[in-house]
Amino acid sequence: MQDLKPPSKSMAKSMSEKELEKMASTPTHGKPRHKHDS
């Protein structure tokens, strides 16, 4: 958590563990997996 920039930190603190997990597990549908793919 300490490597997050302030806006991300405050967002992470205001969300519950389950909300964070749900957000982290959202599929990357339609997004390039690696920079060189785009």
PDB file of N, CA and C in Angstrom:
ATOM      1  N   MET A   1       0.830  -1.210   0.000  1.00  0.00           N
ATOM      2  CA  MET A   1       0.000   0.000   0.000  1.00  0.00           C
ATOM      3  C   MET A   1       0.864   1.259   0.000  1.00  0.00           C
ATOM      4  N   GLN A   2       2.074   1.193   0.562  1.00  0.00           N
ATOM      5  CA  GLN A   2       2.904   2.400   0.647  1.00  0.00           C
ATOM      6  C   GLN A   2       3.435   2.862  -0.704  1.00  0.00           C
ATOM      7  N   ASP A   3       3.392   1.996  -1.723  1.00  0.00           N
ATOM      8  CA  ASP A   3       3.873   2.417  -3.037  1.00  0.00           C
ATOM      9  C   ASP A   3       2.801   3.123  -3.868  1.00  0.00           C
ATOM     10  N   LEU A   4       1.608   3.270  -3.300  1.00  0.00           N
ATOM     11  CA  LEU A   4       0.534   3.975  -4.003  1.00  0.00           C
ATOM     12  C   LEU A   4       0.685   5.481  -3.850  1.00  0.00           C
ATOM     13  N   LYS A   5       0.248   6.205  -4.865  1.00  0.00           N
ATOM     14  CA  LYS A   5       0.264   7.666  -4.773  1.00  0.00           C
ATOM     15  C   LYS A   5      -0.945   8.105  -3.940  1.00  0.00           C
ATOM     16  N   PRO A   6      -0.879   9.268  -3.300  1.00  0.00           N
ATOM     17  CA  PRO A   6      -1.942   9.710  -2.385  1.00  0.00           C
ATOM     18  C   PRO A   6      -3.383   9.515  -2.845  1.00  0.00           C
ATOM     19  N   PRO A   7      -3.771   9.884  -4.070  1.00  0.00           N
ATOM     20  CA  PRO A   7      -5.182   9.669  -4.440  1.00  0.00           C
ATOM     21  C   PRO A   7      -5.588   8.195  -4.373  1.00  0.00           C
ATOM     22  N   SER A   8      -4.683   7.314  -4.785  1.00  0.00           N
ATOM     23  CA  SER A   8      -4.980   5.885  -4.748  1.00  0.00           C
ATOM     24  C   SER A   8      -5.074   5.395  -3.314  1.00  0.00           C
ATOM     25  N   LYS A   9      -4.194   5.921  -2.458  1.00  0.00           N
ATOM     26  CA  LYS A   9      -4.201   5.535  -1.048  1.00  0.00           C
ATOM     27  C   LYS A   9      -5.535   5.857  -0.403  1.00  0.00           C
ATOM     28  N   SER A  10      -6.017   7.075  -0.591  1.00  0.00           N
ATOM     29  CA  SER A  10      -7.274   7.476   0.043  1.00  0.00           C
ATOM     30  C   SER A  10      -8.437   6.667  -0.515  1.00  0.00           C
ATOM     31  N   MET A  11      -8.391   6.333  -1.790  1.00  0.00           N
ATOM     32  CA  MET A  11      -9.448   5.520  -2.374  1.00  0.00           C
ATOM     33  C   MET A  11      -9.418   4.116  -1.772  1.00  0.00           C
ATOM     34  N   ALA A  12      -8.240   3.540  -1.664  1.00  0.00           N
ATOM     35  CA  ALA A  12      -8.112   2.194  -1.117  1.00  0.00           C
ATOM     36  C   ALA A  12      -8.571   2.148   0.336  1.00  0.00           C
ATOM     37  N   LYS A  13      -8.272   3.194   1.091  1.00  0.00           N
ATOM     38  CA  LYS A  13      -8.690   3.239   2.497  1.00  0.00           C
ATOM     39  C   LYS A  13     -10.202   3.353   2.629  1.00  0.00           C
ATOM     40  N   SER A  14     -10.833   4.051   1.699  1.00  0.00           N
ATOM     41  CA  SER A  14     -12.273   4.278   1.801  1.00  0.00           C
ATOM     42  C   SER A  14     -13.095   3.089   1.301  1.00  0.00           C
ATOM     43  N   MET A  15     -12.448   2.158   0.634  1.00  0.00           N
ATOM     44  CA  MET A  15     -13.159   0.990   0.117  1.00  0.00           C
ATOM     45  C   MET A  15     -12.936  -0.217   1.018  1.00  0.00           C
ATOM     46  N   SER A  16     -13.905  -1.114   1.026  1.00  0.00           N
ATOM     47  CA  SER A  16     -13.758  -2.319   1.832  1.00  0.00           C
ATOM     48  C   SER A  16     -12.866  -3.321   1.097  1.00  0.00           C
ATOM     49  N   GLU A  17     -12.364  -4.324   1.828  1.00  0.00           N
ATOM     50  CA  GLU A  17     -11.528  -5.362   1.226  1.00  0.00           C
ATOM     51  C   GLU A  17     -12.239  -6.007   0.039  1.00  0.00           C
ATOM     52  N   LYS A  18     -13.519  -6.310   0.213  1.00  0.00           N
ATOM     53  CA  LYS A  18     -14.269  -6.981  -0.854  1.00  0.00           C
ATOM     54  C   LYS A  18     -14.388  -6.096  -2.085  1.00  0.00           C
ATOM     55  N   GLU A  19     -14.619  -4.807  -1.875  1.00  0.00           N
ATOM     56  CA  GLU A  19     -14.719  -3.880  -3.009  1.00  0.00           C
ATOM     57  C   GLU A  19     -13.390  -3.820  -3.764  1.00  0.00           C
ATOM     58  N   LEU A  20     -12.288  -3.767  -3.007  1.00  0.00           N
ATOM     59  CA  LEU A  20     -10.973  -3.709  -3.637  1.00  0.00           C
ATOM     60  C   LEU A  20     -10.702  -4.985  -4.426  1.00  0.00           C
ATOM     61  N   GLU A  21     -11.047  -6.132  -3.841  1.00  0.00           N
ATOM     62  CA  GLU A  21     -10.847  -7.403  -4.536  1.00  0.00           C
ATOM     63  C   GLU A  21     -11.669  -7.450  -5.816  1.00  0.00           C
ATOM     64  N   LYS A  22     -12.901  -6.984  -5.738  1.00  0.00           N
ATOM     65  CA  LYS A  22     -13.787  -6.986  -6.905  1.00  0.00           C
ATOM     66  C   LYS A  22     -13.204  -6.096  -8.007  1.00  0.00           C
ATOM     67  N   MET A  23     -12.704  -4.937  -7.613  1.00  0.00           N
ATOM     68  CA  MET A  23     -12.129  -4.014  -8.575  1.00  0.00           C
ATOM     69  C   MET A  23     -10.857  -4.610  -9.192  1.00  0.00           C
ATOM     70  N   ALA A  24     -10.054  -5.251  -8.354  1.00  0.00           N
ATOM     71  CA  ALA A  24      -8.800  -5.829  -8.831  1.00  0.00           C
ATOM     72  C   ALA A  24      -9.038  -7.017  -9.754  1.00  0.00           C
ATOM     73  N   SER A  25     -10.182  -7.670  -9.596  1.00  0.00           N
ATOM     74  CA  SER A  25     -10.447  -8.863 -10.396  1.00  0.00           C
ATOM     75  C   SER A  25     -11.270  -8.584 -11.648  1.00  0.00           C
ATOM     76  N   THR A  26     -11.542  -7.315 -11.937  1.00  0.00           N
ATOM     77  CA  THR A  26     -12.318  -7.015 -13.144  1.00  0.00           C
ATOM     78  C   THR A  26     -11.532  -7.450 -14.371  1.00  0.00           C
ATOM     79  N   PRO A  27     -12.179  -8.114 -15.308  1.00  0.00           N
ATOM     80  CA  PRO A  27     -11.473  -8.603 -16.494  1.00  0.00           C
ATOM     81  C   PRO A  27     -10.950  -7.454 -17.348  1.00  0.00           C
ATOM     82  N   THR A  28      -9.822  -7.681 -17.998  1.00  0.00           N
ATOM     83  CA  THR A  28      -9.231  -6.641 -18.844  1.00  0.00           C
ATOM     84  C   THR A  28      -9.695  -6.839 -20.276  1.00  0.00           C
ATOM     85  N   HIS A  29     -10.982  -7.075 -20.451  1.00  0.00           N
ATOM     86  CA  HIS A  29     -11.567  -7.314 -21.772  1.00  0.00           C
ATOM     87  C   HIS A  29     -11.360  -6.105 -22.681  1.00  0.00           C
ATOM     88  N   GLY A  30     -10.790  -6.364 -23.827  1.00  0.00           N
ATOM     89  CA  GLY A  30     -10.610  -5.295 -24.799  1.00  0.00           C
ATOM     90  C   GLY A  30      -9.384  -4.436 -24.562  1.00  0.00           C
ATOM     91  N   LYS A  31      -8.648  -4.736 -23.508  1.00  0.00           N
ATOM     92  CA  LYS A  31      -7.438  -3.959 -23.228  1.00  0.00           C
ATOM     93  C   LYS A  31      -6.212  -4.798 -23.581  1.00  0.00           C
ATOM     94  N   PRO A  32      -5.175  -4.184 -24.085  1.00  0.00           N
ATOM     95  CA  PRO A  32      -3.960  -4.958 -24.394  1.00  0.00           C
ATOM     96  C   PRO A  32      -3.347  -5.523 -23.118  1.00  0.00           C
ATOM     97  N   ARG A  33      -2.873  -6.754 -23.181  1.00  0.00           N
ATOM     98  CA  ARG A  33      -2.294  -7.394 -22.008  1.00  0.00           C
ATOM     99  C   ARG A  33      -0.924  -6.790 -21.681  1.00  0.00           C
ATOM    100  N   HIS A  34      -0.160  -6.480 -22.736  1.00  0.00           N
ATOM    101  CA  HIS A  34       1.161  -5.888 -22.554  1.00  0.00           C
ATOM    102  C   HIS A  34       1.261  -4.652 -23.437  1.00  0.00           C
ATOM    103  N   LYS A  35       2.153  -3.761 -23.071  1.00  0.00           N
ATOM    104  CA  LYS A  35       2.300  -2.528 -23.845  1.00  0.00           C
ATOM    105  C   LYS A  35       2.601  -2.811 -25.311  1.00  0.00           C
ATOM    106  N   HIS A  36       3.440  -3.806 -25.584  1.00  0.00           N
ATOM    107  CA  HIS A  36       3.828  -4.062 -26.969  1.00  0.00           C
ATOM    108  C   HIS A  36       2.704  -4.648 -27.814  1.00  0.00           C
ATOM    109  N   ASP A  37       1.588  -5.053 -27.188  1.00  0.00           N
ATOM    110  CA  ASP A  37       0.451  -5.585 -27.936  1.00  0.00           C
ATOM    111  C   ASP A  37      -0.371  -4.484 -28.611  1.00  0.00           C
ATOM    112  N   SER A  38      -0.315  -3.279 -28.065  1.00  0.00           N
ATOM    113  CA  SER A  38      -1.183  -2.214 -28.572  1.00  0.00           C
ATOM    114  C   SER A  38      -0.664  -1.604 -29.863  1.00  0.00           C
TER     115      SER A  38
END
